[in-house]
Amino acid sequence: MGDDPDDCNSRIVMPKAMVRLSAGRVRFSISEQAMCFLAGANSIFTGDKLLTTPNNDFDADQQMFKLLGLIPKAPSFAEDGEKSFEAKNCDEQTVSASG
């Protein structure tokens, strides 16, 4: 999610999608990140660095979640080759966009 107004529309158009805050969050204050969550973001990339871009560290994210009253969801991995929700949704959107 960035400065594009369409980012907020993602939640309306794709209510079950993971709208993820990514690299560059380190420039956002906690209140700015909170606004992103209020606008529909429901996921973040975490870790000290994303490829070559600095990122908020894990402990800072945990403190932000606690301050904002957010409860992190445990990661879920598809078992036995089952496609994740995102992969299924992507396939459906690709089919509907092409046909």
PDB file of N, CA and C in Angstrom:
ATOM      1  N   MET A   1       0.848  -1.167   0.000  1.00  0.00           N
ATOM      2  CA  MET A   1       0.000   0.000   0.000  1.00  0.00           C
ATOM      3  C   MET A   1       0.893   1.228   0.000  1.00  0.00           C
ATOM      4  N   GLY A   2       0.604   2.144  -0.874  1.00  0.00           N
ATOM      5  CA  GLY A   2       1.403   3.347  -0.950  1.00  0.00           C
ATOM      6  C   GLY A   2       0.534   4.573  -0.982  1.00  0.00           C
ATOM      7  N   ASP A   3       0.937   5.539  -1.808  1.00  0.00           N
ATOM      8  CA  ASP A   3       0.202   6.786  -1.891  1.00  0.00           C
ATOM      9  C   ASP A   3      -0.962   6.722  -2.872  1.00  0.00           C
ATOM     10  N   ASP A   4      -1.131   5.629  -3.563  1.00  0.00           N
ATOM     11  CA  ASP A   4      -2.157   5.484  -4.578  1.00  0.00           C
ATOM     12  C   ASP A   4      -3.523   5.290  -3.922  1.00  0.00           C
ATOM     13  N   PRO A   5      -4.537   6.114  -4.269  1.00  0.00           N
ATOM     14  CA  PRO A   5      -5.866   5.954  -3.677  1.00  0.00           C
ATOM     15  C   PRO A   5      -6.480   4.597  -3.976  1.00  0.00           C
ATOM     16  N   ASP A   6      -6.033   3.938  -5.034  1.00  0.00           N
ATOM     17  CA  ASP A   6      -6.581   2.623  -5.362  1.00  0.00           C
ATOM     18  C   ASP A   6      -6.219   1.576  -4.324  1.00  0.00           C
ATOM     19  N   ASP A   7      -5.187   1.838  -3.518  1.00  0.00           N
ATOM     20  CA  ASP A   7      -4.824   0.886  -2.481  1.00  0.00           C
ATOM     21  C   ASP A   7      -5.986   0.645  -1.529  1.00  0.00           C
ATOM     22  N   CYS A   8      -6.706   1.692  -1.180  1.00  0.00           N
ATOM     23  CA  CYS A   8      -7.856   1.550  -0.278  1.00  0.00           C
ATOM     24  C   CYS A   8      -8.969   0.767  -0.951  1.00  0.00           C
ATOM     25  N   ASN A   9      -9.069   0.886  -2.258  1.00  0.00           N
ATOM     26  CA  ASN A   9     -10.115   0.172  -2.996  1.00  0.00           C
ATOM     27  C   ASN A   9      -9.849  -1.327  -3.045  1.00  0.00           C
ATOM     28  N   SER A  10      -8.621  -1.738  -2.822  1.00  0.00           N
ATOM     29  CA  SER A  10      -8.287  -3.163  -2.853  1.00  0.00           C
ATOM     30  C   SER A  10      -9.162  -3.941  -1.896  1.00  0.00           C
ATOM     31  N   ARG A  11      -9.369  -3.412  -0.724  1.00  0.00           N
ATOM     32  CA  ARG A  11     -10.165  -4.101   0.282  1.00  0.00           C
ATOM     33  C   ARG A  11     -11.622  -4.223  -0.165  1.00  0.00           C
ATOM     34  N   ILE A  12     -12.150  -3.227  -0.837  1.00  0.00           N
ATOM     35  CA  ILE A  12     -13.539  -3.262  -1.288  1.00  0.00           C
ATOM     36  C   ILE A  12     -13.697  -4.246  -2.445  1.00  0.00           C
ATOM     37  N   VAL A  13     -12.789  -4.183  -3.401  1.00  0.00           N
ATOM     38  CA  VAL A  13     -12.880  -5.022  -4.596  1.00  0.00           C
ATOM     39  C   VAL A  13     -12.538  -6.474  -4.302  1.00  0.00           C
ATOM     40  N   MET A  14     -11.564  -6.698  -3.423  1.00  0.00           N
ATOM     41  CA  MET A  14     -11.121  -8.061  -3.097  1.00  0.00           C
ATOM     42  C   MET A  14     -11.136  -8.246  -1.579  1.00  0.00           C
ATOM     43  N   PRO A  15     -12.314  -8.415  -0.987  1.00  0.00           N
ATOM     44  CA  PRO A  15     -12.425  -8.426   0.477  1.00  0.00           C
ATOM     45  C   PRO A  15     -11.653  -9.540   1.180  1.00  0.00           C
ATOM     46  N   LYS A  16     -11.351 -10.639   0.497  1.00  0.00           N
ATOM     47  CA  LYS A  16     -10.627 -11.736   1.148  1.00  0.00           C
ATOM     48  C   LYS A  16      -9.130 -11.715   0.851  1.00  0.00           C
ATOM     49  N   ALA A  17      -8.683 -10.749   0.075  1.00  0.00           N
ATOM     50  CA  ALA A  17      -7.267 -10.688  -0.312  1.00  0.00           C
ATOM     51  C   ALA A  17      -6.390 -10.236   0.849  1.00  0.00           C
ATOM     52  N   MET A  18      -5.123 -10.631   0.773  1.00  0.00           N
ATOM     53  CA  MET A  18      -4.138 -10.147   1.722  1.00  0.00           C
ATOM     54  C   MET A  18      -3.578  -8.850   1.147  1.00  0.00           C
ATOM     55  N   VAL A  19      -3.907  -7.734   1.776  1.00  0.00           N
ATOM     56  CA  VAL A  19      -3.392  -6.431   1.353  1.00  0.00           C
ATOM     57  C   VAL A  19      -2.207  -6.149   2.264  1.00  0.00           C
ATOM     58  N   ARG A  20      -1.018  -6.250   1.707  1.00  0.00           N
ATOM     59  CA  ARG A  20       0.207  -6.300   2.504  1.00  0.00           C
ATOM     60  C   ARG A  20       0.999  -4.996   2.441  1.00  0.00           C
ATOM     61  N   LEU A  21       1.384  -4.506   3.625  1.00  0.00           N
ATOM     62  CA  LEU A  21       2.341  -3.404   3.707  1.00  0.00           C
ATOM     63  C   LEU A  21       3.718  -4.004   3.495  1.00  0.00           C
ATOM     64  N   SER A  22       4.537  -3.346   2.713  1.00  0.00           N
ATOM     65  CA  SER A  22       5.806  -3.936   2.321  1.00  0.00           C
ATOM     66  C   SER A  22       6.969  -3.009   2.621  1.00  0.00           C
ATOM     67  N   ALA A  23       8.001  -3.118   1.797  1.00  0.00           N
ATOM     68  CA  ALA A  23       9.215  -2.326   1.977  1.00  0.00           C
ATOM     69  C   ALA A  23       8.877  -0.841   1.998  1.00  0.00           C
ATOM     70  N   GLY A  24       9.573  -0.110   2.827  1.00  0.00           N
ATOM     71  CA  GLY A  24       9.326   1.321   2.942  1.00  0.00           C
ATOM     72  C   GLY A  24       8.539   1.680   4.190  1.00  0.00           C
ATOM     73  N   ARG A  25       8.025   0.664   4.903  1.00  0.00           N
ATOM     74  CA  ARG A  25       7.281   0.961   6.129  1.00  0.00           C
ATOM     75  C   ARG A  25       8.147   1.669   7.149  1.00  0.00           C
ATOM     76  N   VAL A  26       9.453   1.493   7.064  1.00  0.00           N
ATOM     77  CA  VAL A  26      10.365   2.104   8.024  1.00  0.00           C
ATOM     78  C   VAL A  26      10.231   3.628   8.004  1.00  0.00           C
ATOM     79  N   ARG A  27       9.771   4.173   6.876  1.00  0.00           N
ATOM     80  CA  ARG A  27       9.567   5.629   6.761  1.00  0.00           C
ATOM     81  C   ARG A  27       8.252   6.071   7.394  1.00  0.00           C
ATOM     82  N   PHE A  28       7.342   5.130   7.659  1.00  0.00           N
ATOM     83  CA  PHE A  28       6.024   5.471   8.212  1.00  0.00           C
ATOM     84  C   PHE A  28       6.062   5.453   9.733  1.00  0.00           C
ATOM     85  N   SER A  29       5.400   6.426  10.342  1.00  0.00           N
ATOM     86  CA  SER A  29       5.237   6.409  11.797  1.00  0.00           C
ATOM     87  C   SER A  29       4.215   5.329  12.148  1.00  0.00           C
ATOM     88  N   ILE A  30       4.103   5.028  13.422  1.00  0.00           N
ATOM     89  CA  ILE A  30       3.106   4.050  13.854  1.00  0.00           C
ATOM     90  C   ILE A  30       1.702   4.533  13.490  1.00  0.00           C
ATOM     91  N   SER A  31       1.436   5.818  13.642  1.00  0.00           N
ATOM     92  CA  SER A  31       0.102   6.323  13.307  1.00  0.00           C
ATOM     93  C   SER A  31      -0.167   6.216  11.804  1.00  0.00           C
ATOM     94  N   GLU A  32       0.858   6.417  10.975  1.00  0.00           N
ATOM     95  CA  GLU A  32       0.668   6.266   9.524  1.00  0.00           C
ATOM     96  C   GLU A  32       0.411   4.803   9.155  1.00  0.00           C
ATOM     97  N   GLN A  33       1.106   3.889   9.816  1.00  0.00           N
ATOM     98  CA  GLN A  33       0.854   2.468   9.572  1.00  0.00           C
ATOM     99  C   GLN A  33      -0.532   2.082  10.070  1.00  0.00           C
ATOM    100  N   ALA A  34      -0.951   2.657  11.187  1.00  0.00           N
ATOM    101  CA  ALA A  34      -2.302   2.397  11.694  1.00  0.00           C
ATOM    102  C   ALA A  34      -3.354   2.827  10.679  1.00  0.00           C
ATOM    103  N   MET A  35      -3.128   3.952  10.025  1.00  0.00           N
ATOM    104  CA  MET A  35      -4.057   4.412   8.991  1.00  0.00           C
ATOM    105  C   MET A  35      -4.123   3.412   7.835  1.00  0.00           C
ATOM    106  N   CYS A  36      -2.998   2.823   7.497  1.00  0.00           N
ATOM    107  CA  CYS A  36      -2.997   1.801   6.441  1.00  0.00           C
ATOM    108  C   CYS A  36      -3.844   0.594   6.850  1.00  0.00           C
ATOM    109  N   PHE A  37      -3.731   0.187   8.117  1.00  0.00           N
ATOM    110  CA  PHE A  37      -4.557  -0.927   8.600  1.00  0.00           C
ATOM    111  C   PHE A  37      -6.034  -0.540   8.591  1.00  0.00           C
ATOM    112  N   LEU A  38      -6.335   0.679   8.988  1.00  0.00           N
ATOM    113  CA  LEU A  38      -7.729   1.136   8.963  1.00  0.00           C
ATOM    114  C   LEU A  38      -8.272   1.223   7.541  1.00  0.00           C
ATOM    115  N   ALA A  39      -7.392   1.489   6.581  1.00  0.00           N
ATOM    116  CA  ALA A  39      -7.801   1.577   5.177  1.00  0.00           C
ATOM    117  C   ALA A  39      -7.940   0.205   4.534  1.00  0.00           C
ATOM    118  N   GLY A  40      -7.537  -0.855   5.237  1.00  0.00           N
ATOM    119  CA  GLY A  40      -7.755  -2.186   4.701  1.00  0.00           C
ATOM    120  C   GLY A  40      -6.559  -3.107   4.652  1.00  0.00           C
ATOM    121  N   ALA A  41      -5.367  -2.617   4.963  1.00  0.00           N
ATOM    122  CA  ALA A  41      -4.210  -3.514   4.990  1.00  0.00           C
ATOM    123  C   ALA A  41      -4.412  -4.539   6.100  1.00  0.00           C
ATOM    124  N   ASN A  42      -4.044  -5.785   5.827  1.00  0.00           N
ATOM    125  CA  ASN A  42      -4.203  -6.808   6.851  1.00  0.00           C
ATOM    126  C   ASN A  42      -2.995  -7.734   6.931  1.00  0.00           C
ATOM    127  N   SER A  43      -1.878  -7.279   6.382  1.00  0.00           N
ATOM    128  CA  SER A  43      -0.698  -8.122   6.354  1.00  0.00           C
ATOM    129  C   SER A  43       0.545  -7.244   6.195  1.00  0.00           C
ATOM    130  N   ILE A  44       1.666  -7.736   6.712  1.00  0.00           N
ATOM    131  CA  ILE A  44       2.934  -7.025   6.544  1.00  0.00           C
ATOM    132  C   ILE A  44       4.022  -8.026   6.184  1.00  0.00           C
ATOM    133  N   PHE A  45       5.059  -7.531   5.558  1.00  0.00           N
ATOM    134  CA  PHE A  45       6.298  -8.277   5.441  1.00  0.00           C
ATOM    135  C   PHE A  45       7.127  -7.857   6.634  1.00  0.00           C
ATOM    136  N   THR A  46       7.737  -8.807   7.304  1.00  0.00           N
ATOM    137  CA  THR A  46       8.540  -8.484   8.468  1.00  0.00           C
ATOM    138  C   THR A  46       9.964  -8.992   8.286  1.00  0.00           C
ATOM    139  N   GLY A  47      10.862  -8.433   9.005  1.00  0.00           N
ATOM    140  CA  GLY A  47      12.280  -8.782   8.904  1.00  0.00           C
ATOM    141  C   GLY A  47      13.094  -7.519   8.731  1.00  0.00           C
ATOM    142  N   ASP A  48      14.359  -7.574   9.097  1.00  0.00           N
ATOM    143  CA  ASP A  48      15.211  -6.387   9.083  1.00  0.00           C
ATOM    144  C   ASP A  48      15.433  -5.806   7.694  1.00  0.00           C
ATOM    145  N   LYS A  49      15.399  -6.656   6.664  1.00  0.00           N
ATOM    146  CA  LYS A  49      15.680  -6.186   5.318  1.00  0.00           C
ATOM    147  C   LYS A  49      14.873  -7.000   4.320  1.00  0.00           C
ATOM    148  N   LEU A  50      14.312  -6.318   3.326  1.00  0.00           N
ATOM    149  CA  LEU A  50      13.622  -6.983   2.229  1.00  0.00           C
ATOM    150  C   LEU A  50      14.444  -6.752   0.977  1.00  0.00           C
ATOM    151  N   LEU A  51      15.123  -7.780   0.542  1.00  0.00           N
ATOM    152  CA  LEU A  51      16.101  -7.691  -0.545  1.00  0.00           C
ATOM    153  C   LEU A  51      17.136  -6.623  -0.190  1.00  0.00           C
ATOM    154  N   THR A  52      17.015  -5.420  -0.727  1.00  0.00           N
ATOM    155  CA  THR A  52      18.000  -4.376  -0.425  1.00  0.00           C
ATOM    156  C   THR A  52      17.395  -3.206   0.337  1.00  0.00           C
ATOM    157  N   THR A  53      16.128  -3.303   0.693  1.00  0.00           N
ATOM    158  CA  THR A  53      15.421  -2.203   1.344  1.00  0.00           C
ATOM    159  C   THR A  53      15.328  -2.433   2.847  1.00  0.00           C
ATOM    160  N   PRO A  54      15.749  -1.474   3.659  1.00  0.00           N
ATOM    161  CA  PRO A  54      15.600  -1.618   5.109  1.00  0.00           C
ATOM    162  C   PRO A  54      14.121  -1.756   5.485  1.00  0.00           C
ATOM    163  N   ASN A  55      13.864  -2.483   6.549  1.00  0.00           N
ATOM    164  CA  ASN A  55      12.498  -2.724   6.998  1.00  0.00           C
ATOM    165  C   ASN A  55      12.465  -2.675   8.517  1.00  0.00           C
ATOM    166  N   ASN A  56      11.285  -2.476   9.066  1.00  0.00           N
ATOM    167  CA  ASN A  56      11.112  -2.491  10.519  1.00  0.00           C
ATOM    168  C   ASN A  56      11.532  -3.858  11.043  1.00  0.00           C
ATOM    169  N   ASP A  57      12.178  -3.887  12.201  1.00  0.00           N
ATOM    170  CA  ASP A  57      12.568  -5.185  12.736  1.00  0.00           C
ATOM    171  C   ASP A  57      11.385  -5.840  13.451  1.00  0.00           C
ATOM    172  N   PHE A  58      11.533  -7.124  13.693  1.00  0.00           N
ATOM    173  CA  PHE A  58      10.455  -7.938  14.259  1.00  0.00           C
ATOM    174  C   PHE A  58       9.950  -7.375  15.583  1.00  0.00           C
ATOM    175  N   ASP A  59      10.868  -6.994  16.478  1.00  0.00           N
ATOM    176  CA  ASP A  59      10.473  -6.478  17.790  1.00  0.00           C
ATOM    177  C   ASP A  59       9.680  -5.179  17.677  1.00  0.00           C
ATOM    178  N   ALA A  60      10.081  -4.294  16.755  1.00  0.00           N
ATOM    179  CA  ALA A  60       9.343  -3.041  16.549  1.00  0.00           C
ATOM    180  C   ALA A  60       7.934  -3.331  16.061  1.00  0.00           C
ATOM    181  N   ASP A  61       7.794  -4.326  15.169  1.00  0.00           N
ATOM    182  CA  ASP A  61       6.460  -4.704  14.687  1.00  0.00           C
ATOM    183  C   ASP A  61       5.605  -5.256  15.823  1.00  0.00           C
ATOM    184  N   GLN A  62       6.208  -6.082  16.673  1.00  0.00           N
ATOM    185  CA  GLN A  62       5.458  -6.646  17.799  1.00  0.00           C
ATOM    186  C   GLN A  62       4.977  -5.543  18.747  1.00  0.00           C
ATOM    187  N   GLN A  63       5.835  -4.549  18.987  1.00  0.00           N
ATOM    188  CA  GLN A  63       5.442  -3.421  19.836  1.00  0.00           C
ATOM    189  C   GLN A  63       4.306  -2.628  19.196  1.00  0.00           C
ATOM    190  N   MET A  64       4.381  -2.425  17.872  1.00  0.00           N
ATOM    191  CA  MET A  64       3.331  -1.700  17.175  1.00  0.00           C
ATOM    192  C   MET A  64       2.010  -2.469  17.271  1.00  0.00           C
ATOM    193  N   PHE A  65       2.048  -3.783  17.067  1.00  0.00           N
ATOM    194  CA  PHE A  65       0.823  -4.581  17.168  1.00  0.00           C
ATOM    195  C   PHE A  65       0.210  -4.446  18.554  1.00  0.00           C
ATOM    196  N   LYS A  66       1.054  -4.517  19.574  1.00  0.00           N
ATOM    197  CA  LYS A  66       0.557  -4.406  20.949  1.00  0.00           C
ATOM    198  C   LYS A  66      -0.075  -3.033  21.182  1.00  0.00           C
ATOM    199  N   LEU A  67       0.590  -1.983  20.740  1.00  0.00           N
ATOM    200  CA  LEU A  67       0.094  -0.620  20.900  1.00  0.00           C
ATOM    201  C   LEU A  67      -1.249  -0.426  20.182  1.00  0.00           C
ATOM    202  N   LEU A  68      -1.366  -0.991  18.981  1.00  0.00           N
ATOM    203  CA  LEU A  68      -2.583  -0.830  18.186  1.00  0.00           C
ATOM    204  C   LEU A  68      -3.666  -1.855  18.528  1.00  0.00           C
ATOM    205  N   GLY A  69      -3.337  -2.806  19.401  1.00  0.00           N
ATOM    206  CA  GLY A  69      -4.311  -3.834  19.764  1.00  0.00           C
ATOM    207  C   GLY A  69      -4.535  -4.854  18.658  1.00  0.00           C
ATOM    208  N   LEU A  70      -3.530  -5.053  17.807  1.00  0.00           N
ATOM    209  CA  LEU A  70      -3.636  -6.019  16.716  1.00  0.00           C
ATOM    210  C   LEU A  70      -3.084  -7.369  17.172  1.00  0.00           C
ATOM    211  N   ILE A  71      -3.727  -8.428  16.764  1.00  0.00           N
ATOM    212  CA  ILE A  71      -3.283  -9.769  17.121  1.00  0.00           C
ATOM    213  C   ILE A  71      -2.751 -10.439  15.864  1.00  0.00           C
ATOM    214  N   PRO A  72      -1.443 -10.716  15.825  1.00  0.00           N
ATOM    215  CA  PRO A  72      -0.876 -11.354  14.632  1.00  0.00           C
ATOM    216  C   PRO A  72      -1.480 -12.732  14.395  1.00  0.00           C
ATOM    217  N   LYS A  73      -1.733 -13.028  13.144  1.00  0.00           N
ATOM    218  CA  LYS A  73      -2.242 -14.335  12.752  1.00  0.00           C
ATOM    219  C   LYS A  73      -1.056 -15.258  12.516  1.00  0.00           C
ATOM    220  N   ALA A  74      -1.152 -16.468  12.988  1.00  0.00           N
ATOM    221  CA  ALA A  74      -0.086 -17.443  12.762  1.00  0.00           C
ATOM    222  C   ALA A  74       0.001 -17.740  11.273  1.00  0.00           C
ATOM    223  N   PRO A  75       1.217 -17.963  10.766  1.00  0.00           N
ATOM    224  CA  PRO A  75       1.338 -18.292   9.342  1.00  0.00           C
ATOM    225  C   PRO A  75       0.656 -19.614   9.050  1.00  0.00           C
ATOM    226  N   SER A  76       0.097 -19.709   7.863  1.00  0.00           N
ATOM    227  CA  SER A  76      -0.516 -20.973   7.452  1.00  0.00           C
ATOM    228  C   SER A  76       0.092 -21.378   6.122  1.00  0.00           C
ATOM    229  N   PHE A  77       0.445 -22.630   6.020  1.00  0.00           N
ATOM    230  CA  PHE A  77       1.061 -23.150   4.821  1.00  0.00           C
ATOM    231  C   PHE A  77       0.177 -24.251   4.265  1.00  0.00           C
ATOM    232  N   ALA A  78      -0.029 -24.248   2.968  1.00  0.00           N
ATOM    233  CA  ALA A  78      -0.833 -25.271   2.329  1.00  0.00           C
ATOM    234  C   ALA A  78      -0.133 -26.622   2.487  1.00  0.00           C
ATOM    235  N   GLU A  79      -0.909 -27.640   2.805  1.00  0.00           N
ATOM    236  CA  GLU A  79      -0.356 -28.972   2.983  1.00  0.00           C
ATOM    237  C   GLU A  79      -0.653 -29.836   1.767  1.00  0.00           C
ATOM    238  N   ASP A  80       0.219 -30.786   1.512  1.00  0.00           N
ATOM    239  CA  ASP A  80       0.034 -31.764   0.436  1.00  0.00           C
ATOM    240  C   ASP A  80      -0.245 -31.121  -0.914  1.00  0.00           C
ATOM    241  N   GLY A  81       0.440 -30.042  -1.220  1.00  0.00           N
ATOM    242  CA  GLY A  81       0.305 -29.428  -2.532  1.00  0.00           C
ATOM    243  C   GLY A  81      -0.968 -28.633  -2.721  1.00  0.00           C
ATOM    244  N   GLU A  82      -1.767 -28.484  -1.660  1.00  0.00           N
ATOM    245  CA  GLU A  82      -2.997 -27.702  -1.776  1.00  0.00           C
ATOM    246  C   GLU A  82      -2.626 -26.240  -2.006  1.00  0.00           C
ATOM    247  N   LYS A  83      -3.319 -25.594  -2.928  1.00  0.00           N
ATOM    248  CA  LYS A  83      -3.033 -24.195  -3.223  1.00  0.00           C
ATOM    249  C   LYS A  83      -3.526 -23.308  -2.092  1.00  0.00           C
ATOM    250  N   SER A  84      -2.775 -22.264  -1.812  1.00  0.00           N
ATOM    251  CA  SER A  84      -3.190 -21.291  -0.810  1.00  0.00           C
ATOM    252  C   SER A  84      -4.354 -20.474  -1.344  1.00  0.00           C
ATOM    253  N   PHE A  85      -5.032 -19.763  -0.469  1.00  0.00           N
ATOM    254  CA  PHE A  85      -6.140 -18.901  -0.890  1.00  0.00           C
ATOM    255  C   PHE A  85      -5.672 -17.903  -1.930  1.00  0.00           C
ATOM    256  N   GLU A  86      -4.483 -17.307  -1.708  1.00  0.00           N
ATOM    257  CA  GLU A  86      -3.972 -16.313  -2.648  1.00  0.00           C
ATOM    258  C   GLU A  86      -3.743 -16.918  -4.020  1.00  0.00           C
ATOM    259  N   ALA A  87      -3.188 -18.132  -4.073  1.00  0.00           N
ATOM    260  CA  ALA A  87      -2.934 -18.775  -5.360  1.00  0.00           C
ATOM    261  C   ALA A  87      -4.239 -19.094  -6.076  1.00  0.00           C
ATOM    262  N   LYS A  88      -5.227 -19.593  -5.341  1.00  0.00           N
ATOM    263  CA  LYS A  88      -6.532 -19.877  -5.951  1.00  0.00           C
ATOM    264  C   LYS A  88      -7.162 -18.596  -6.467  1.00  0.00           C
ATOM    265  N   ASN A  89      -7.123 -17.554  -5.653  1.00  0.00           N
ATOM    266  CA  ASN A  89      -7.721 -16.273  -6.030  1.00  0.00           C
ATOM    267  C   ASN A  89      -7.025 -15.693  -7.260  1.00  0.00           C
ATOM    268  N   CYS A  90      -5.711 -15.835  -7.314  1.00  0.00           N
ATOM    269  CA  CYS A  90      -4.954 -15.339  -8.456  1.00  0.00           C
ATOM    270  C   CYS A  90      -5.360 -16.088  -9.718  1.00  0.00           C
ATOM    271  N   ASP A  91      -5.495 -17.422  -9.618  1.00  0.00           N
ATOM    272  CA  ASP A  91      -5.919 -18.225 -10.768  1.00  0.00           C
ATOM    273  C   ASP A  91      -7.303 -17.791 -11.247  1.00  0.00           C
ATOM    274  N   GLU A  92      -8.233 -17.576 -10.304  1.00  0.00           N
ATOM    275  CA  GLU A  92      -9.584 -17.161 -10.667  1.00  0.00           C
ATOM    276  C   GLU A  92      -9.572 -15.806 -11.359  1.00  0.00           C
ATOM    277  N   GLN A  93      -8.777 -14.865 -10.852  1.00  0.00           N
ATOM    278  CA  GLN A  93      -8.723 -13.538 -11.447  1.00  0.00           C
ATOM    279  C   GLN A  93      -8.076 -13.593 -12.816  1.00  0.00           C
ATOM    280  N   THR A  94      -7.086 -14.459 -13.001  1.00  0.00           N
ATOM    281  CA  THR A  94      -6.430 -14.587 -14.296  1.00  0.00           C
ATOM    282  C   THR A  94      -7.413 -15.130 -15.320  1.00  0.00           C
ATOM    283  N   VAL A  95      -8.189 -16.142 -14.934  1.00  0.00           N
ATOM    284  CA  VAL A  95      -9.176 -16.723 -15.839  1.00  0.00           C
ATOM    285  C   VAL A  95     -10.240 -15.696 -16.190  1.00  0.00           C
ATOM    286  N   SER A  96     -10.761 -14.962 -15.190  1.00  0.00           N
ATOM    287  CA  SER A  96     -11.814 -13.996 -15.468  1.00  0.00           C
ATOM    288  C   SER A  96     -11.287 -12.805 -16.264  1.00  0.00           C
ATOM    289  N   ALA A  97     -10.027 -12.468 -16.094  1.00  0.00           N
ATOM    290  CA  ALA A  97      -9.464 -11.335 -16.843  1.00  0.00           C
ATOM    291  C   ALA A  97      -9.187 -11.720 -18.283  1.00  0.00           C
ATOM    292  N   SER A  98      -8.873 -12.998 -18.530  1.00  0.00           N
ATOM    293  CA  SER A  98      -8.544 -13.404 -19.891  1.00  0.00           C
ATOM    294  C   SER A  98      -9.734 -13.926 -20.662  1.00  0.00           C
ATOM    295  N   GLY A  99     -10.812 -14.243 -19.953  1.00  0.00           N
ATOM    296  CA  GLY A  99     -11.882 -14.868 -20.701  1.00  0.00           C
ATOM    297  C   GLY A  99     -13.176 -14.250 -20.447  1.00  0.00           C
TER     298      GLY A  99
END
